[in-house]
PDB file of N, CA and C in Angstrom:
ATOM      1  N   MET A   1      66.233  99.883  43.504  1.00  0.00           N
ATOM      2  CA  MET A   1      67.757  99.139  43.855  1.00  0.00           C
ATOM      3  C   MET A   1      68.961  99.471  42.562  1.00  0.00           C
ATOM      4  N   ASN A   2      69.728 100.073  43.718  1.00  0.00           N
ATOM      5  CA  ASN A   2      70.667 100.510  42.402  1.00  0.00           C
ATOM      6  C   ASN A   2      71.762  99.913  42.417  1.00  0.00           C
ATOM      7  N   LYS A   3      71.965  98.235  43.624  1.00  0.00           N
ATOM      8  CA  LYS A   3      73.479  98.120  42.832  1.00  0.00           C
ATOM      9  C   LYS A   3      73.078  96.422  42.121  1.00  0.00           C
ATOM     10  N   GLN A   4      73.558  96.047  41.337  1.00  0.00           N
ATOM     11  CA  GLN A   4      73.216  95.118  40.667  1.00  0.00           C
ATOM     12  C   GLN A   4      74.024  93.883  41.617  1.00  0.00           C
ATOM     13  N   PRO A   5      72.938  92.844  41.334  1.00  0.00           N
ATOM     14  CA  PRO A   5      73.127  91.546  42.291  1.00  0.00           C
ATOM     15  C   PRO A   5      74.277  90.621  41.314  1.00  0.00           C
ATOM     16  N   PRO A   6      75.209  89.818  42.241  1.00  0.00           N
ATOM     17  CA  PRO A   6      76.273  88.962  41.905  1.00  0.00           C
ATOM     18  C   PRO A   6      75.242  87.850  40.826  1.00  0.00           C
ATOM     19  N   LYS A   7      76.025  87.878  39.593  1.00  0.00           N
ATOM     20  CA  LYS A   7      75.366  86.966  38.601  1.00  0.00           C
ATOM     21  C   LYS A   7      75.121  84.773  39.391  1.00  0.00           C
ATOM     22  N   GLU A   8      76.272  84.953  40.269  1.00  0.00           N
ATOM     23  CA  GLU A   8      76.381  83.286  40.932  1.00  0.00           C
ATOM     24  C   GLU A   8      76.549  84.047  42.807  1.00  0.00           C
ATOM     25  N   TYR A   9      76.201  83.321  43.796  1.00  0.00           N
ATOM     26  CA  TYR A   9      75.934  83.247  44.921  1.00  0.00           C
ATOM     27  C   TYR A   9      75.789  81.967  45.754  1.00  0.00           C
ATOM     28  N   GLN A  10      76.276  81.747  46.298  1.00  0.00           N
ATOM     29  CA  GLN A  10      76.479  80.400  47.283  1.00  0.00           C
ATOM     30  C   GLN A  10      75.454  79.927  47.844  1.00  0.00           C
ATOM     31  N   CYS A  11      74.397  78.187  47.428  1.00  0.00           N
ATOM     32  CA  CYS A  11      73.220  78.264  48.053  1.00  0.00           C
ATOM     33  C   CYS A  11      73.346  78.402  49.359  1.00  0.00           C
ATOM     34  N   LYS A  12      72.046  78.902  50.306  1.00  0.00           N
ATOM     35  CA  LYS A  12      71.794  78.962  51.848  1.00  0.00           C
ATOM     36  C   LYS A  12      72.251  78.010  51.911  1.00  0.00           C
ATOM     37  N   HIS A  13      71.966  76.575  51.311  1.00  0.00           N
ATOM     38  CA  HIS A  13      71.578  75.254  51.961  1.00  0.00           C
ATOM     39  C   HIS A  13      73.122  74.146  51.727  1.00  0.00           C
ATOM     40  N   GLY A  14      73.702  74.968  51.637  1.00  0.00           N
ATOM     41  CA  GLY A  14      75.422  74.269  51.008  1.00  0.00           C
ATOM     42  C   GLY A  14      75.565  73.403  50.007  1.00  0.00           C
ATOM     43  N   HIS A  15      74.957  73.661  49.264  1.00  0.00           N
ATOM     44  CA  HIS A  15      74.133  72.638  48.085  1.00  0.00           C
ATOM     45  C   HIS A  15      75.556  73.106  46.917  1.00  0.00           C
ATOM     46  N   GLY A  16      75.955  73.933  46.853  1.00  0.00           N
ATOM     47  CA  GLY A  16      76.996  74.870  45.367  1.00  0.00           C
ATOM     48  C   GLY A  16      76.370  76.329  44.874  1.00  0.00           C
ATOM     49  N   LYS A  17      77.000  76.170  43.826  1.00  0.00           N
ATOM     50  CA  LYS A  17      76.684  77.415  43.179  1.00  0.00           C
ATOM     51  C   LYS A  17      75.052  77.496  42.841  1.00  0.00           C
ATOM     52  N   GLY A  18      74.514  79.132  42.844  1.00  0.00           N
ATOM     53  CA  GLY A  18      73.819  79.103  42.653  1.00  0.00           C
ATOM     54  C   GLY A  18      73.414  80.323  41.331  1.00  0.00           C
ATOM     55  N   ILE A  19      73.019  80.298  40.234  1.00  0.00           N
ATOM     56  CA  ILE A  19      72.885  81.217  39.454  1.00  0.00           C
ATOM     57  C   ILE A  19      71.747  82.115  39.355  1.00  0.00           C
ATOM     58  N   LEU A  20      71.819  83.779  39.224  1.00  0.00           N
ATOM     59  CA  LEU A  20      70.936  84.582  39.090  1.00  0.00           C
ATOM     60  C   LEU A  20      70.082  84.311  38.504  1.00  0.00           C
ATOM     61  N   LEU A  21      68.312  84.357  38.502  1.00  0.00           N
ATOM     62  CA  LEU A  21      67.466  84.209  37.437  1.00  0.00           C
ATOM     63  C   LEU A  21      67.405  85.879  37.046  1.00  0.00           C
ATOM     64  N   VAL A  22      66.958  85.787  35.484  1.00  0.00           N
ATOM     65  CA  VAL A  22      67.269  86.633  35.470  1.00  0.00           C
ATOM     66  C   VAL A  22      65.740  87.025  34.116  1.00  0.00           C
ATOM     67  N   ASP A  23      64.883  87.838  33.964  1.00  0.00           N
ATOM     68  CA  ASP A  23      64.394  87.929  32.870  1.00  0.00           C
ATOM     69  C   ASP A  23      64.345  87.917  31.429  1.00  0.00           C
ATOM     70  N   ILE A  24      64.021  87.144  30.392  1.00  0.00           N
ATOM     71  CA  ILE A  24      64.202  86.311  29.851  1.00  0.00           C
ATOM     72  C   ILE A  24      64.011  87.448  28.447  1.00  0.00           C
ATOM     73  N   GLU A  25      63.385  88.151  28.340  1.00  0.00           N
ATOM     74  CA  GLU A  25      63.335  89.055  27.304  1.00  0.00           C
ATOM     75  C   GLU A  25      64.527  89.318  27.261  1.00  0.00           C
ATOM     76  N   THR A  26      64.626  90.748  28.137  1.00  0.00           N
ATOM     77  CA  THR A  26      66.114  91.828  28.723  1.00  0.00           C
ATOM     78  C   THR A  26      67.556  90.561  28.918  1.00  0.00           C
ATOM     79  N   GLU A  27      66.971  90.057  29.822  1.00  0.00           N
ATOM     80  CA  GLU A  27      68.795  88.568  30.371  1.00  0.00           C
ATOM     81  C   GLU A  27      69.161  89.713  31.268  1.00  0.00           C
ATOM     82  N   SER A  28      68.724  90.969  31.126  1.00  0.00           N
ATOM     83  CA  SER A  28      69.027  91.437  32.573  1.00  0.00           C
ATOM     84  C   SER A  28      68.758  92.294  33.684  1.00  0.00           C
ATOM     85  N   ILE A  29      67.558  91.899  33.584  1.00  0.00           N
ATOM     86  CA  ILE A  29      67.225  92.472  34.761  1.00  0.00           C
ATOM     87  C   ILE A  29      66.494  91.212  35.560  1.00  0.00           C
ATOM     88  N   PRO A  30      67.022  91.135  36.677  1.00  0.00           N
ATOM     89  CA  PRO A  30      67.247  89.841  38.172  1.00  0.00           C
ATOM     90  C   PRO A  30      65.854  89.811  38.305  1.00  0.00           C
ATOM     91  N   LYS A  31      65.511  88.945  38.403  1.00  0.00           N
ATOM     92  CA  LYS A  31      63.967  88.037  38.798  1.00  0.00           C
ATOM     93  C   LYS A  31      63.966  87.969  41.269  1.00  0.00           C
ATOM     94  N   LEU A  32      62.725  88.809  41.040  1.00  0.00           N
ATOM     95  CA  LEU A  32      62.558  89.330  42.317  1.00  0.00           C
ATOM     96  C   LEU A  32      61.552  88.228  43.011  1.00  0.00           C
ATOM     97  N   ASP A  33      61.630  87.830  44.375  1.00  0.00           N
ATOM     98  CA  ASP A  33      60.517  87.194  44.598  1.00  0.00           C
ATOM     99  C   ASP A  33      59.510  88.622  45.076  1.00  0.00           C
ATOM    100  N   THR A  34      58.485  87.504  46.228  1.00  0.00           N
ATOM    101  CA  THR A  34      56.985  88.839  46.325  1.00  0.00           C
ATOM    102  C   THR A  34      57.537  89.742  47.067  1.00  0.00           C
ATOM    103  N   HIS A  35      58.889  89.530  48.380  1.00  0.00           N
ATOM    104  CA  HIS A  35      59.914  90.409  48.995  1.00  0.00           C
ATOM    105  C   HIS A  35      60.742  90.958  48.723  1.00  0.00           C
ATOM    106  N   GLY A  36      60.726  91.131  47.453  1.00  0.00           N
ATOM    107  CA  GLY A  36      61.928  92.007  46.637  1.00  0.00           C
ATOM    108  C   GLY A  36      62.692  91.274  46.723  1.00  0.00           C
ATOM    109  N   ASN A  37      63.025  90.290  47.031  1.00  0.00           N
ATOM    110  CA  ASN A  37      64.756  90.138  46.825  1.00  0.00           C
ATOM    111  C   ASN A  37      65.081  88.827  46.130  1.00  0.00           C
ATOM    112  N   TRP A  38      66.113  88.825  45.432  1.00  0.00           N
ATOM    113  CA  TRP A  38      66.868  88.072  44.092  1.00  0.00           C
ATOM    114  C   TRP A  38      66.281  86.939  44.396  1.00  0.00           C
ATOM    115  N   GLN A  39      66.713  86.251  43.307  1.00  0.00           N
ATOM    116  CA  GLN A  39      66.176  84.562  42.928  1.00  0.00           C
ATOM    117  C   GLN A  39      67.563  84.193  42.374  1.00  0.00           C
ATOM    118  N   TYR A  40      67.853  82.964  42.935  1.00  0.00           N
ATOM    119  CA  TYR A  40      69.274  82.251  42.221  1.00  0.00           C
ATOM    120  C   TYR A  40      68.661  81.440  42.251  1.00  0.00           C
ATOM    121  N   TYR A  41      69.354  80.064  41.397  1.00  0.00           N
ATOM    122  CA  TYR A  41      68.592  78.640  41.300  1.00  0.00           C
ATOM    123  C   TYR A  41      69.633  77.977  41.636  1.00  0.00           C
ATOM    124  N   CYS A  42      69.827  76.887  42.188  1.00  0.00           N
ATOM    125  CA  CYS A  42      70.743  76.119  42.551  1.00  0.00           C
ATOM    126  C   CYS A  42      71.576  74.898  41.324  1.00  0.00           C
ATOM    127  N   LEU A  43      72.596  75.528  40.868  1.00  0.00           N
ATOM    128  CA  LEU A  43      72.547  73.981  39.668  1.00  0.00           C
ATOM    129  C   LEU A  43      72.348  72.541  40.657  1.00  0.00           C
ATOM    130  N   ASN A  44      72.856  72.249  41.018  1.00  0.00           N
ATOM    131  CA  ASN A  44      73.280  70.479  41.932  1.00  0.00           C
ATOM    132  C   ASN A  44      71.688  70.682  42.593  1.00  0.00           C
ATOM    133  N   GLU A  45      71.217  70.866  43.121  1.00  0.00           N
ATOM    134  CA  GLU A  45      70.041  70.297  44.039  1.00  0.00           C
ATOM    135  C   GLU A  45      68.805  70.849  42.852  1.00  0.00           C
ATOM    136  N   GLN A  46      68.676  71.638  42.213  1.00  0.00           N
ATOM    137  CA  GLN A  46      68.163  72.353  41.178  1.00  0.00           C
ATOM    138  C   GLN A  46      66.792  72.729  41.656  1.00  0.00           C
ATOM    139  N   HIS A  47      66.655  73.863  42.804  1.00  0.00           N
ATOM    140  CA  HIS A  47      65.717  75.011  43.360  1.00  0.00           C
ATOM    141  C   HIS A  47      66.209  76.181  43.464  1.00  0.00           C
ATOM    142  N   VAL A  48      65.054  77.014  43.297  1.00  0.00           N
ATOM    143  CA  VAL A  48      64.588  78.612  43.816  1.00  0.00           C
ATOM    144  C   VAL A  48      65.368  78.760  44.830  1.00  0.00           C
ATOM    145  N   PHE A  49      66.261  79.573  45.372  1.00  0.00           N
ATOM    146  CA  PHE A  49      66.585  80.488  46.526  1.00  0.00           C
ATOM    147  C   PHE A  49      66.088  81.441  46.436  1.00  0.00           C
ATOM    148  N   SER A  50      66.083  82.740  47.794  1.00  0.00           N
ATOM    149  CA  SER A  50      66.231  83.547  47.596  1.00  0.00           C
ATOM    150  C   SER A  50      67.089  84.490  48.129  1.00  0.00           C
ATOM    151  N   VAL A  51      68.210  85.906  47.928  1.00  0.00           N
ATOM    152  CA  VAL A  51      68.930  86.294  48.948  1.00  0.00           C
ATOM    153  C   VAL A  51      68.309  87.631  48.585  1.00  0.00           C
ATOM    154  N   ARG A  52      68.519  87.986  50.433  1.00  0.00           N
ATOM    155  CA  ARG A  52      68.480  89.834  50.610  1.00  0.00           C
ATOM    156  C   ARG A  52      69.457  90.814  50.128  1.00  0.00           C
ATOM    157  N   PRO A  53      69.274  91.691  48.977  1.00  0.00           N
ATOM    158  CA  PRO A  53      70.308  92.435  48.883  1.00  0.00           C
ATOM    159  C   PRO A  53      70.916  93.264  50.268  1.00  0.00           C
ATOM    160  N   ALA A  54      70.535  92.574  51.670  1.00  0.00           N
ATOM    161  CA  ALA A  54      71.234  93.160  52.545  1.00  0.00           C
ATOM    162  C   ALA A  54      72.487  92.119  52.855  1.00  0.00           C
ATOM    163  N   ASP A  55      71.779  91.124  52.423  1.00  0.00           N
ATOM    164  CA  ASP A  55      72.899  89.235  52.522  1.00  0.00           C
ATOM    165  C   ASP A  55      73.920  89.518  52.300  1.00  0.00           C
ATOM    166  N   ILE A  56      73.869  90.111  50.586  1.00  0.00           N
ATOM    167  CA  ILE A  56      74.831  90.306  49.751  1.00  0.00           C
ATOM    168  C   ILE A  56      76.295  91.425  50.470  1.00  0.00           C
ATOM    169  N   LYS A  57      75.681  92.764  50.703  1.00  0.00           N
ATOM    170  CA  LYS A  57      76.468  93.114  51.215  1.00  0.00           C
ATOM    171  C   LYS A  57      76.962  92.724  52.925  1.00  0.00           C
ATOM    172  N   LEU A  58      76.656  91.745  53.968  1.00  0.00           N
ATOM    173  CA  LEU A  58      77.341  91.684  54.701  1.00  0.00           C
ATOM    174  C   LEU A  58      78.401  90.419  54.393  1.00  0.00           C
ATOM    175  N   GLN A  59      78.335  90.264  52.904  1.00  0.00           N
ATOM    176  CA  GLN A  59      79.247  88.965  52.497  1.00  0.00           C
ATOM    177  C   GLN A  59      80.367  89.227  52.483  1.00  0.00           C
ATOM    178  N   GLU A  60      79.988  90.537  51.393  1.00  0.00           N
ATOM    179  CA  GLU A  60      80.742  90.930  51.212  1.00  0.00           C
ATOM    180  C   GLU A  60      81.809  91.930  52.120  1.00  0.00           C
ATOM    181  N   GLU A  61      81.456  92.816  53.189  1.00  0.00           N
ATOM    182  CA  GLU A  61      82.080  93.349  54.193  1.00  0.00           C
ATOM    183  C   GLU A  61      83.102  91.796  55.450  1.00  0.00           C
ATOM    184  N   GLU A  62      82.259  91.209  55.269  1.00  0.00           N
ATOM    185  CA  GLU A  62      83.338  89.903  55.958  1.00  0.00           C
ATOM    186  C   GLU A  62      84.276  89.871  55.341  1.00  0.00           C
ATOM    187  N   GLU A  63      84.255  89.191  53.642  1.00  0.00           N
ATOM    188  CA  GLU A  63      85.177  88.776  52.949  1.00  0.00           C
ATOM    189  C   GLU A  63      86.402  89.870  53.172  1.00  0.00           C
ATOM    190  N   GLN A  64      86.258  91.032  53.037  1.00  0.00           N
ATOM    191  CA  GLN A  64      87.122  92.285  53.313  1.00  0.00           C
ATOM    192  C   GLN A  64      87.898  92.231  54.704  1.00  0.00           C
ATOM    193  N   LYS A  65      86.899  92.050  55.562  1.00  0.00           N
ATOM    194  CA  LYS A  65      87.730  91.750  56.889  1.00  0.00           C
ATOM    195  C   LYS A  65      88.824  90.844  56.932  1.00  0.00           C
ATOM    196  N   VAL A  66      88.383  89.859  55.839  1.00  0.00           N
ATOM    197  CA  VAL A  66      88.989  88.586  55.891  1.00  0.00           C
ATOM    198  C   VAL A  66      90.283  89.155  55.258  1.00  0.00           C
ATOM    199  N   THR A  67      89.987  89.146  53.792  1.00  0.00           N
ATOM    200  CA  THR A  67      91.081  89.682  53.443  1.00  0.00           C
ATOM    201  C   THR A  67      92.147  90.918  53.986  1.00  0.00           C
ATOM    202  N   SER A  68      91.457  92.037  54.596  1.00  0.00           N
ATOM    203  CA  SER A  68      92.699  92.766  55.834  1.00  0.00           C
ATOM    204  C   SER A  68      93.002  91.379  56.851  1.00  0.00           C
ATOM    205  N   LEU A  69      92.717  90.959  56.986  1.00  0.00           N
ATOM    206  CA  LEU A  69      93.486  90.082  58.559  1.00  0.00           C
ATOM    207  C   LEU A  69      94.748  89.300  57.944  1.00  0.00           C
ATOM    208  N   VAL A  70      94.639  88.993  56.056  1.00  0.00           N
ATOM    209  CA  VAL A  70      95.684  88.669  55.852  1.00  0.00           C
ATOM    210  C   VAL A  70      96.790  89.203  55.583  1.00  0.00           C
TER     211      VAL A  70
END
């Protein structure tokens, strides 16, 4: 994994902001699920959800498209 994941990510279920889960000892190594996806904790609904690195890349590309249209 070359890229560091964002510390915050929108909950997949539309509940608001999710915070990246990290290793408690290093406080920097992201927690991964069994498929190698980053794990986030939803602050509003108090549940864990996974995000594939490819999903974040797609979201960034969409944001760039919107910015260039404005």
